[in-house]
Amino acid sequence: MVFVTHDQEEAMTLGDKIVIMHEGRIQQVGSAYDIYNEPQNQFVAEFIGSPSANMVEATVERRDNGVVVENRWFSLPVTEDDQSLESGQQVTVAFRPEYLELDAENGQFELDVNVVEPHGKDDAVYLSVDDKEFTAITSQGTITDESKSLHARVSPDNIWIFDDTGQRLV
């Protein structure tokens, strides 16, 4: 049976095999788990999940001790060394909101809390630094002050790296 929907939550809930299409082209075919956790391209990473994945531009740097992706806010080691990553290459680093860890004192970069939105047992926390917005998912009531700044960190194990065409590299 084929069921067509534009509602990603409905597709993720009902589908045994999901086909993600964009502009008439198949982007990815797989289980809900695979599509959510292993998106093949930037479109799928942004389209699936609510709130959407965080996306931030970065530059690849090859160093003696490995490869990092960095921007003005953070520097993250790349745990899967893809030989196609070149020093100076511009990429997009993506990670799900549940992998943006917030802490009052420790982290890779500092974010201002803009809005805390209750979602039952979890809260969606909307944050920003400079002109860039981020979203985190926290346990209900973890963040109560919308006017404060928090430190944030992302585990390198929970990032995806996309090239300038939106295809996944790592």
N, C-alpha and C. Protein backbone atom coordinates (compact mmCIF):
# COMPACT_ATOMS: atom_id res chain seq x y z
N MET A 1 0.84 -1.17 0.00
CA MET A 1 0.00 0.00 0.00
C MET A 1 0.89 1.25 0.00
N VAL A 2 0.56 2.19 -0.82
CA VAL A 2 1.29 3.46 -0.89
C VAL A 2 0.40 4.54 -0.29
N PHE A 3 0.97 5.31 0.62
CA PHE A 3 0.26 6.40 1.27
C PHE A 3 1.07 7.67 1.05
N VAL A 4 0.46 8.69 0.52
CA VAL A 4 1.15 9.95 0.23
C VAL A 4 0.72 11.00 1.25
N THR A 5 1.70 11.68 1.83
CA THR A 5 1.40 12.75 2.78
C THR A 5 2.49 13.82 2.71
N HIS A 6 2.11 15.02 3.04
CA HIS A 6 3.07 16.12 3.14
C HIS A 6 3.41 16.38 4.61
N ASP A 7 2.82 15.59 5.50
CA ASP A 7 3.02 15.73 6.93
C ASP A 7 4.14 14.78 7.36
N GLN A 8 5.30 15.32 7.68
CA GLN A 8 6.44 14.48 8.02
C GLN A 8 6.19 13.61 9.25
N GLU A 9 5.48 14.13 10.25
CA GLU A 9 5.20 13.33 11.44
C GLU A 9 4.31 12.14 11.10
N GLU A 10 3.33 12.36 10.24
CA GLU A 10 2.46 11.28 9.80
C GLU A 10 3.26 10.22 9.05
N ALA A 11 4.14 10.65 8.17
CA ALA A 11 4.98 9.70 7.42
C ALA A 11 5.87 8.90 8.36
N MET A 12 6.49 9.57 9.32
CA MET A 12 7.40 8.90 10.25
C MET A 12 6.66 7.91 11.14
N THR A 13 5.41 8.23 11.46
CA THR A 13 4.62 7.37 12.33
C THR A 13 4.04 6.17 11.60
N LEU A 14 3.52 6.38 10.40
CA LEU A 14 2.79 5.33 9.69
C LEU A 14 3.63 4.51 8.73
N GLY A 15 4.71 5.06 8.24
CA GLY A 15 5.45 4.41 7.16
C GLY A 15 6.44 3.37 7.61
N ASP A 16 6.43 2.20 6.93
CA ASP A 16 7.47 1.20 7.13
C ASP A 16 8.70 1.59 6.31
N LYS A 17 8.44 2.08 5.11
CA LYS A 17 9.50 2.59 4.24
C LYS A 17 9.04 3.96 3.78
N ILE A 18 9.91 4.94 3.93
CA ILE A 18 9.56 6.32 3.61
C ILE A 18 10.40 6.78 2.43
N VAL A 19 9.75 7.48 1.52
CA VAL A 19 10.44 8.07 0.37
C VAL A 19 10.32 9.58 0.52
N ILE A 20 11.44 10.26 0.64
CA ILE A 20 11.46 11.71 0.75
C ILE A 20 11.72 12.26 -0.65
N MET A 21 10.81 13.13 -1.12
CA MET A 21 10.95 13.73 -2.44
C MET A 21 11.06 15.24 -2.31
N HIS A 22 11.78 15.83 -3.25
CA HIS A 22 11.91 17.29 -3.31
C HIS A 22 12.03 17.68 -4.77
N GLU A 23 11.17 18.59 -5.19
CA GLU A 23 11.15 19.06 -6.57
C GLU A 23 11.10 17.90 -7.56
N GLY A 24 10.25 16.91 -7.24
CA GLY A 24 10.02 15.78 -8.14
C GLY A 24 11.12 14.73 -8.16
N ARG A 25 12.11 14.85 -7.29
CA ARG A 25 13.21 13.89 -7.26
C ARG A 25 13.26 13.19 -5.91
N ILE A 26 13.56 11.90 -5.95
CA ILE A 26 13.72 11.15 -4.71
C ILE A 26 15.03 11.58 -4.05
N GLN A 27 14.94 11.96 -2.78
CA GLN A 27 16.11 12.38 -2.02
C GLN A 27 16.67 11.24 -1.18
N GLN A 28 15.75 10.43 -0.61
CA GLN A 28 16.19 9.33 0.25
C GLN A 28 15.03 8.36 0.44
N VAL A 29 15.37 7.08 0.54
CA VAL A 29 14.41 6.02 0.82
C VAL A 29 14.93 5.25 2.02
N GLY A 30 14.07 5.01 3.01
CA GLY A 30 14.51 4.24 4.16
C GLY A 30 13.48 4.22 5.26
N SER A 31 13.86 3.61 6.36
CA SER A 31 12.98 3.57 7.54
C SER A 31 12.97 4.95 8.19
N ALA A 32 12.00 5.18 9.05
CA ALA A 32 11.94 6.45 9.78
C ALA A 32 13.22 6.66 10.57
N TYR A 33 13.72 5.60 11.18
CA TYR A 33 14.95 5.69 11.97
C TYR A 33 16.13 6.13 11.10
N ASP A 34 16.31 5.47 9.96
CA ASP A 34 17.44 5.80 9.08
C ASP A 34 17.35 7.22 8.53
N ILE A 35 16.16 7.60 8.12
CA ILE A 35 16.00 8.95 7.55
C ILE A 35 16.27 10.02 8.60
N TYR A 36 15.81 9.80 9.82
CA TYR A 36 16.02 10.78 10.89
C TYR A 36 17.49 10.85 11.32
N ASN A 37 18.10 9.68 11.47
CA ASN A 37 19.46 9.62 12.03
C ASN A 37 20.59 9.65 11.01
N GLU A 38 20.30 9.30 9.77
CA GLU A 38 21.34 9.23 8.74
C GLU A 38 20.88 9.91 7.44
N PRO A 39 20.54 11.20 7.49
CA PRO A 39 20.09 11.87 6.26
C PRO A 39 21.21 11.90 5.22
N GLN A 40 20.84 11.62 3.97
CA GLN A 40 21.85 11.59 2.90
C GLN A 40 22.19 12.98 2.38
N ASN A 41 21.30 13.95 2.64
CA ASN A 41 21.60 15.30 2.16
C ASN A 41 20.98 16.34 3.10
N GLN A 42 21.33 17.57 2.85
CA GLN A 42 20.91 18.67 3.71
C GLN A 42 19.40 18.87 3.68
N PHE A 43 18.77 18.66 2.53
CA PHE A 43 17.32 18.82 2.46
C PHE A 43 16.63 17.86 3.42
N VAL A 44 17.01 16.60 3.41
CA VAL A 44 16.39 15.60 4.28
C VAL A 44 16.65 15.95 5.75
N ALA A 45 17.86 16.36 6.08
CA ALA A 45 18.20 16.73 7.46
C ALA A 45 17.33 17.88 7.96
N GLU A 46 17.08 18.86 7.08
CA GLU A 46 16.25 20.02 7.47
C GLU A 46 14.77 19.69 7.48
N PHE A 47 14.33 18.86 6.54
CA PHE A 47 12.91 18.58 6.37
C PHE A 47 12.35 17.68 7.47
N ILE A 48 13.11 16.66 7.85
CA ILE A 48 12.64 15.69 8.84
C ILE A 48 13.05 16.16 10.23
N GLY A 49 12.10 16.13 11.14
CA GLY A 49 12.36 16.51 12.52
C GLY A 49 11.70 17.83 12.86
N SER A 50 11.16 17.89 14.06
CA SER A 50 10.51 19.10 14.51
C SER A 50 10.86 19.31 15.98
N PRO A 51 11.57 20.37 16.28
CA PRO A 51 12.08 21.42 15.41
C PRO A 51 13.15 20.88 14.45
N SER A 52 13.42 21.65 13.42
CA SER A 52 14.39 21.26 12.39
C SER A 52 15.80 21.19 12.95
N ALA A 53 16.66 20.49 12.23
CA ALA A 53 18.07 20.41 12.59
C ALA A 53 18.72 21.79 12.55
N ASN A 54 19.68 21.99 13.41
CA ASN A 54 20.49 23.21 13.39
C ASN A 54 21.48 23.10 12.24
N MET A 55 21.64 24.17 11.50
CA MET A 55 22.58 24.22 10.37
C MET A 55 23.48 25.43 10.56
N VAL A 56 24.78 25.22 10.42
CA VAL A 56 25.71 26.33 10.58
C VAL A 56 26.89 26.15 9.61
N GLU A 57 27.28 27.24 9.00
CA GLU A 57 28.40 27.21 8.05
C GLU A 57 29.71 27.06 8.83
N ALA A 58 30.66 26.35 8.22
CA ALA A 58 31.96 26.14 8.86
C ALA A 58 33.01 25.91 7.78
N THR A 59 34.25 25.88 8.22
CA THR A 59 35.38 25.64 7.33
C THR A 59 36.13 24.41 7.82
N VAL A 60 36.55 23.56 6.90
CA VAL A 60 37.33 22.37 7.23
C VAL A 60 38.79 22.78 7.39
N GLU A 61 39.43 22.26 8.43
CA GLU A 61 40.87 22.47 8.61
C GLU A 61 41.51 21.12 8.91
N ARG A 62 42.55 20.79 8.16
CA ARG A 62 43.33 19.58 8.42
C ARG A 62 44.52 19.98 9.29
N ARG A 63 44.68 19.27 10.39
CA ARG A 63 45.77 19.55 11.32
C ARG A 63 46.54 18.25 11.57
N ASP A 64 47.67 18.37 12.26
CA ASP A 64 48.48 17.18 12.55
C ASP A 64 47.69 16.12 13.32
N ASN A 65 46.82 16.58 14.21
CA ASN A 65 46.07 15.64 15.04
C ASN A 65 44.70 15.29 14.47
N GLY A 66 44.42 15.66 13.23
CA GLY A 66 43.15 15.28 12.61
C GLY A 66 42.48 16.44 11.90
N VAL A 67 41.21 16.23 11.62
CA VAL A 67 40.40 17.19 10.88
C VAL A 67 39.42 17.86 11.83
N VAL A 68 39.24 19.17 11.69
CA VAL A 68 38.24 19.89 12.47
C VAL A 68 37.37 20.71 11.52
N VAL A 69 36.15 20.99 11.96
CA VAL A 69 35.30 21.97 11.29
C VAL A 69 35.15 23.11 12.28
N GLU A 70 35.34 24.33 11.78
CA GLU A 70 35.31 25.46 12.71
C GLU A 70 34.66 26.68 12.08
N ASN A 71 34.16 27.51 12.97
CA ASN A 71 33.61 28.80 12.58
C ASN A 71 33.88 29.76 13.73
N ARG A 72 33.24 30.90 13.74
CA ARG A 72 33.55 31.89 14.78
C ARG A 72 33.03 31.49 16.16
N TRP A 73 32.20 30.44 16.23
CA TRP A 73 31.64 30.04 17.52
C TRP A 73 32.25 28.78 18.10
N PHE A 74 32.66 27.84 17.26
CA PHE A 74 33.19 26.59 17.79
C PHE A 74 34.15 25.93 16.81
N SER A 75 34.90 24.98 17.35
CA SER A 75 35.79 24.13 16.57
C SER A 75 35.51 22.70 17.02
N LEU A 76 35.12 21.85 16.08
CA LEU A 76 34.78 20.47 16.42
C LEU A 76 35.66 19.49 15.65
N PRO A 77 36.22 18.50 16.34
CA PRO A 77 36.96 17.48 15.62
C PRO A 77 35.99 16.62 14.80
N VAL A 78 36.45 16.17 13.65
CA VAL A 78 35.64 15.28 12.82
C VAL A 78 36.04 13.86 13.19
N THR A 79 35.08 13.09 13.72
CA THR A 79 35.40 11.75 14.21
C THR A 79 35.53 10.73 13.08
N GLU A 80 34.84 10.94 11.97
CA GLU A 80 34.99 10.06 10.80
C GLU A 80 35.83 10.83 9.79
N ASP A 81 37.08 10.46 9.64
CA ASP A 81 37.95 11.22 8.73
C ASP A 81 37.66 10.83 7.29
N ASP A 82 36.94 11.69 6.62
CA ASP A 82 36.63 11.50 5.21
C ASP A 82 37.74 12.16 4.41
N GLN A 83 38.43 11.39 3.61
CA GLN A 83 39.56 11.92 2.84
C GLN A 83 39.14 12.99 1.84
N SER A 84 37.83 13.07 1.56
CA SER A 84 37.37 14.09 0.61
C SER A 84 37.30 15.48 1.25
N LEU A 85 37.42 15.55 2.57
CA LEU A 85 37.41 16.85 3.25
C LEU A 85 38.76 17.53 3.04
N GLU A 86 38.72 18.74 2.50
CA GLU A 86 39.95 19.47 2.20
C GLU A 86 40.06 20.72 3.06
N SER A 87 41.26 21.04 3.48
CA SER A 87 41.49 22.26 4.25
C SER A 87 40.98 23.47 3.48
N GLY A 88 40.24 24.31 4.18
CA GLY A 88 39.68 25.51 3.55
C GLY A 88 38.32 25.29 2.92
N GLN A 89 37.88 24.05 2.83
CA GLN A 89 36.58 23.74 2.22
C GLN A 89 35.44 24.30 3.07
N GLN A 90 34.49 24.96 2.42
CA GLN A 90 33.31 25.49 3.10
C GLN A 90 32.26 24.39 3.17
N VAL A 91 31.73 24.15 4.36
CA VAL A 91 30.74 23.09 4.56
C VAL A 91 29.62 23.60 5.45
N THR A 92 28.57 22.81 5.55
CA THR A 92 27.50 23.07 6.50
C THR A 92 27.54 21.96 7.54
N VAL A 93 27.61 22.34 8.80
CA VAL A 93 27.57 21.40 9.91
C VAL A 93 26.13 21.38 10.42
N ALA A 94 25.58 20.18 10.59
CA ALA A 94 24.20 20.05 11.04
C ALA A 94 24.14 19.12 12.25
N PHE A 95 23.19 19.41 13.14
CA PHE A 95 22.95 18.55 14.29
C PHE A 95 21.53 18.78 14.79
N ARG A 96 20.95 17.72 15.31
CA ARG A 96 19.58 17.78 15.82
C ARG A 96 19.54 18.60 17.12
N PRO A 97 18.39 19.26 17.38
CA PRO A 97 18.25 20.06 18.60
C PRO A 97 18.52 19.27 19.89
N GLU A 98 18.20 17.99 19.90
CA GLU A 98 18.43 17.20 21.12
C GLU A 98 19.92 16.98 21.39
N TYR A 99 20.78 17.27 20.42
CA TYR A 99 22.22 17.10 20.62
C TYR A 99 22.94 18.41 20.93
N LEU A 100 22.21 19.50 21.04
CA LEU A 100 22.79 20.76 21.49
C LEU A 100 22.63 20.79 23.01
N GLU A 101 23.72 20.52 23.71
CA GLU A 101 23.69 20.44 25.17
C GLU A 101 23.90 21.83 25.77
N LEU A 102 23.02 22.20 26.70
CA LEU A 102 23.10 23.52 27.33
C LEU A 102 23.57 23.38 28.77
N ASP A 103 24.43 24.31 29.18
CA ASP A 103 25.00 24.29 30.52
C ASP A 103 25.26 25.74 30.92
N ALA A 104 25.05 26.05 32.17
CA ALA A 104 25.24 27.42 32.62
C ALA A 104 26.71 27.85 32.59
N GLU A 105 27.64 26.90 32.71
CA GLU A 105 29.04 27.28 32.87
C GLU A 105 30.02 26.68 31.87
N ASN A 106 29.75 25.51 31.35
CA ASN A 106 30.72 24.83 30.50
C ASN A 106 30.19 24.64 29.09
N GLY A 107 31.04 24.84 28.11
CA GLY A 107 30.62 24.60 26.74
C GLY A 107 31.59 25.15 25.74
N GLN A 108 31.30 24.94 24.47
CA GLN A 108 32.15 25.39 23.39
C GLN A 108 31.86 26.84 22.99
N PHE A 109 30.60 27.26 23.17
CA PHE A 109 30.24 28.63 22.80
C PHE A 109 29.05 29.08 23.63
N GLU A 110 28.82 30.39 23.66
CA GLU A 110 27.76 30.96 24.49
C GLU A 110 26.59 31.41 23.63
N LEU A 111 25.38 31.12 24.11
CA LEU A 111 24.15 31.47 23.40
C LEU A 111 23.22 32.24 24.32
N ASP A 112 22.46 33.16 23.74
CA ASP A 112 21.42 33.87 24.49
C ASP A 112 20.11 33.13 24.34
N VAL A 113 19.41 32.92 25.45
CA VAL A 113 18.10 32.27 25.42
C VAL A 113 17.07 33.30 24.96
N ASN A 114 16.32 32.98 23.92
CA ASN A 114 15.28 33.88 23.41
C ASN A 114 13.90 33.46 23.87
N VAL A 115 13.57 32.18 23.69
CA VAL A 115 12.24 31.68 24.03
C VAL A 115 12.36 30.25 24.52
N VAL A 116 11.59 29.91 25.55
CA VAL A 116 11.44 28.53 26.00
C VAL A 116 10.00 28.13 25.71
N GLU A 117 9.83 27.10 24.89
CA GLU A 117 8.50 26.69 24.43
C GLU A 117 8.19 25.30 24.98
N PRO A 118 7.22 25.18 25.90
CA PRO A 118 6.88 23.88 26.47
C PRO A 118 6.28 22.93 25.42
N HIS A 119 6.74 21.68 25.46
CA HIS A 119 6.23 20.62 24.58
C HIS A 119 5.99 19.37 25.42
N GLY A 120 5.16 19.44 26.42
CA GLY A 120 4.93 18.27 27.27
C GLY A 120 6.13 18.01 28.16
N LYS A 121 6.70 16.80 28.06
CA LYS A 121 7.84 16.45 28.92
C LYS A 121 9.13 17.16 28.54
N ASP A 122 9.18 17.71 27.33
CA ASP A 122 10.37 18.43 26.86
C ASP A 122 10.03 19.88 26.56
N ASP A 123 11.06 20.71 26.52
CA ASP A 123 10.93 22.10 26.10
C ASP A 123 11.80 22.33 24.87
N ALA A 124 11.31 23.11 23.93
CA ALA A 124 12.13 23.58 22.82
C ALA A 124 12.69 24.93 23.26
N VAL A 125 14.00 25.06 23.22
CA VAL A 125 14.65 26.29 23.65
C VAL A 125 15.27 26.94 22.41
N TYR A 126 14.83 28.15 22.13
CA TYR A 126 15.32 28.90 20.96
C TYR A 126 16.36 29.89 21.45
N LEU A 127 17.55 29.81 20.84
CA LEU A 127 18.69 30.59 21.29
C LEU A 127 19.34 31.29 20.11
N SER A 128 20.23 32.23 20.41
CA SER A 128 20.95 32.91 19.33
C SER A 128 22.31 33.39 19.81
N VAL A 129 23.17 33.59 18.84
CA VAL A 129 24.46 34.24 19.05
C VAL A 129 24.72 35.04 17.78
N ASP A 130 25.09 36.29 17.95
CA ASP A 130 25.26 37.19 16.80
C ASP A 130 23.98 37.14 15.96
N ASP A 131 24.09 36.77 14.70
CA ASP A 131 22.92 36.72 13.82
C ASP A 131 22.42 35.30 13.57
N LYS A 132 22.93 34.33 14.32
CA LYS A 132 22.62 32.92 14.09
C LYS A 132 21.70 32.38 15.17
N GLU A 133 20.65 31.67 14.74
CA GLU A 133 19.71 31.06 15.68
C GLU A 133 19.95 29.56 15.79
N PHE A 134 19.75 29.04 16.99
CA PHE A 134 19.89 27.62 17.28
C PHE A 134 18.66 27.17 18.05
N THR A 135 18.41 25.87 18.02
CA THR A 135 17.32 25.28 18.80
C THR A 135 17.87 24.10 19.58
N ALA A 136 17.45 23.99 20.83
CA ALA A 136 17.82 22.86 21.68
C ALA A 136 16.55 22.24 22.25
N ILE A 137 16.61 20.97 22.55
CA ILE A 137 15.52 20.29 23.25
C ILE A 137 16.06 19.92 24.63
N THR A 138 15.35 20.33 25.67
CA THR A 138 15.76 20.02 27.03
C THR A 138 14.59 19.40 27.78
N SER A 139 14.88 18.79 28.90
CA SER A 139 13.81 18.27 29.76
C SER A 139 12.98 19.43 30.27
N GLN A 140 11.70 19.18 30.46
CA GLN A 140 10.77 20.22 30.91
C GLN A 140 11.31 20.93 32.15
N GLY A 141 11.29 22.26 32.11
CA GLY A 141 11.66 23.07 33.26
C GLY A 141 13.15 23.23 33.48
N THR A 142 13.99 22.66 32.61
CA THR A 142 15.45 22.79 32.79
C THR A 142 15.89 24.24 32.65
N ILE A 143 15.36 24.93 31.66
CA ILE A 143 15.69 26.34 31.42
C ILE A 143 14.45 27.15 31.78
N THR A 144 14.58 28.02 32.76
CA THR A 144 13.41 28.80 33.19
C THR A 144 13.55 30.29 32.95
N ASP A 145 14.76 30.75 32.72
CA ASP A 145 15.01 32.19 32.56
C ASP A 145 15.29 32.50 31.10
N GLU A 146 14.36 33.19 30.44
CA GLU A 146 14.50 33.48 29.02
C GLU A 146 15.45 34.63 28.73
N SER A 147 15.99 35.27 29.74
CA SER A 147 16.86 36.42 29.50
C SER A 147 18.33 36.10 29.74
N LYS A 148 18.65 34.87 30.01
CA LYS A 148 20.03 34.56 30.37
C LYS A 148 20.82 33.99 29.20
N SER A 149 22.11 33.92 29.40
CA SER A 149 23.01 33.29 28.43
C SER A 149 23.44 31.95 28.99
N LEU A 150 23.62 31.00 28.09
CA LEU A 150 24.07 29.67 28.48
C LEU A 150 25.21 29.24 27.59
N HIS A 151 26.02 28.36 28.10
CA HIS A 151 27.06 27.75 27.28
C HIS A 151 26.46 26.52 26.60
N ALA A 152 26.95 26.25 25.42
CA ALA A 152 26.44 25.11 24.65
C ALA A 152 27.60 24.30 24.10
N ARG A 153 27.32 23.04 23.88
CA ARG A 153 28.32 22.17 23.25
C ARG A 153 27.59 21.14 22.40
N VAL A 154 28.32 20.67 21.41
CA VAL A 154 27.82 19.64 20.51
C VAL A 154 28.88 18.55 20.45
N SER A 155 28.47 17.32 20.64
CA SER A 155 29.41 16.22 20.53
C SER A 155 29.75 16.00 19.06
N PRO A 156 31.02 15.84 18.74
CA PRO A 156 31.40 15.57 17.35
C PRO A 156 30.76 14.30 16.79
N ASP A 157 30.36 13.39 17.68
CA ASP A 157 29.70 12.15 17.24
C ASP A 157 28.30 12.39 16.72
N ASN A 158 27.74 13.57 16.98
CA ASN A 158 26.35 13.84 16.62
C ASN A 158 26.20 14.91 15.55
N ILE A 159 27.23 15.08 14.72
CA ILE A 159 27.13 16.08 13.65
C ILE A 159 27.13 15.39 12.29
N TRP A 160 26.56 16.08 11.33
CA TRP A 160 26.67 15.70 9.92
C TRP A 160 27.36 16.85 9.23
N ILE A 161 28.09 16.53 8.18
CA ILE A 161 28.77 17.56 7.40
C ILE A 161 28.31 17.44 5.95
N PHE A 162 27.84 18.56 5.40
CA PHE A 162 27.35 18.61 4.02
C PHE A 162 28.23 19.53 3.19
N ASP A 163 28.42 19.17 1.92
CA ASP A 163 29.21 20.02 1.03
C ASP A 163 28.36 21.16 0.50
N ASP A 164 28.93 21.97 -0.38
CA ASP A 164 28.21 23.15 -0.87
C ASP A 164 27.05 22.82 -1.80
N THR A 165 26.92 21.55 -2.20
CA THR A 165 25.75 21.14 -2.99
C THR A 165 24.68 20.51 -2.11
N GLY A 166 24.96 20.38 -0.81
CA GLY A 166 24.00 19.80 0.12
C GLY A 166 24.15 18.30 0.31
N GLN A 167 25.14 17.68 -0.33
CA GLN A 167 25.34 16.24 -0.18
C GLN A 167 26.16 15.96 1.08
N ARG A 168 25.80 14.87 1.75
CA ARG A 168 26.47 14.53 3.00
C ARG A 168 27.86 13.99 2.74
N LEU A 169 28.82 14.53 3.47
CA LEU A 169 30.20 14.06 3.41
C LEU A 169 30.51 13.14 4.59
N VAL A 170 30.08 13.55 5.79
CA VAL A 170 30.33 12.78 7.01
C VAL A 170 29.06 12.76 7.81
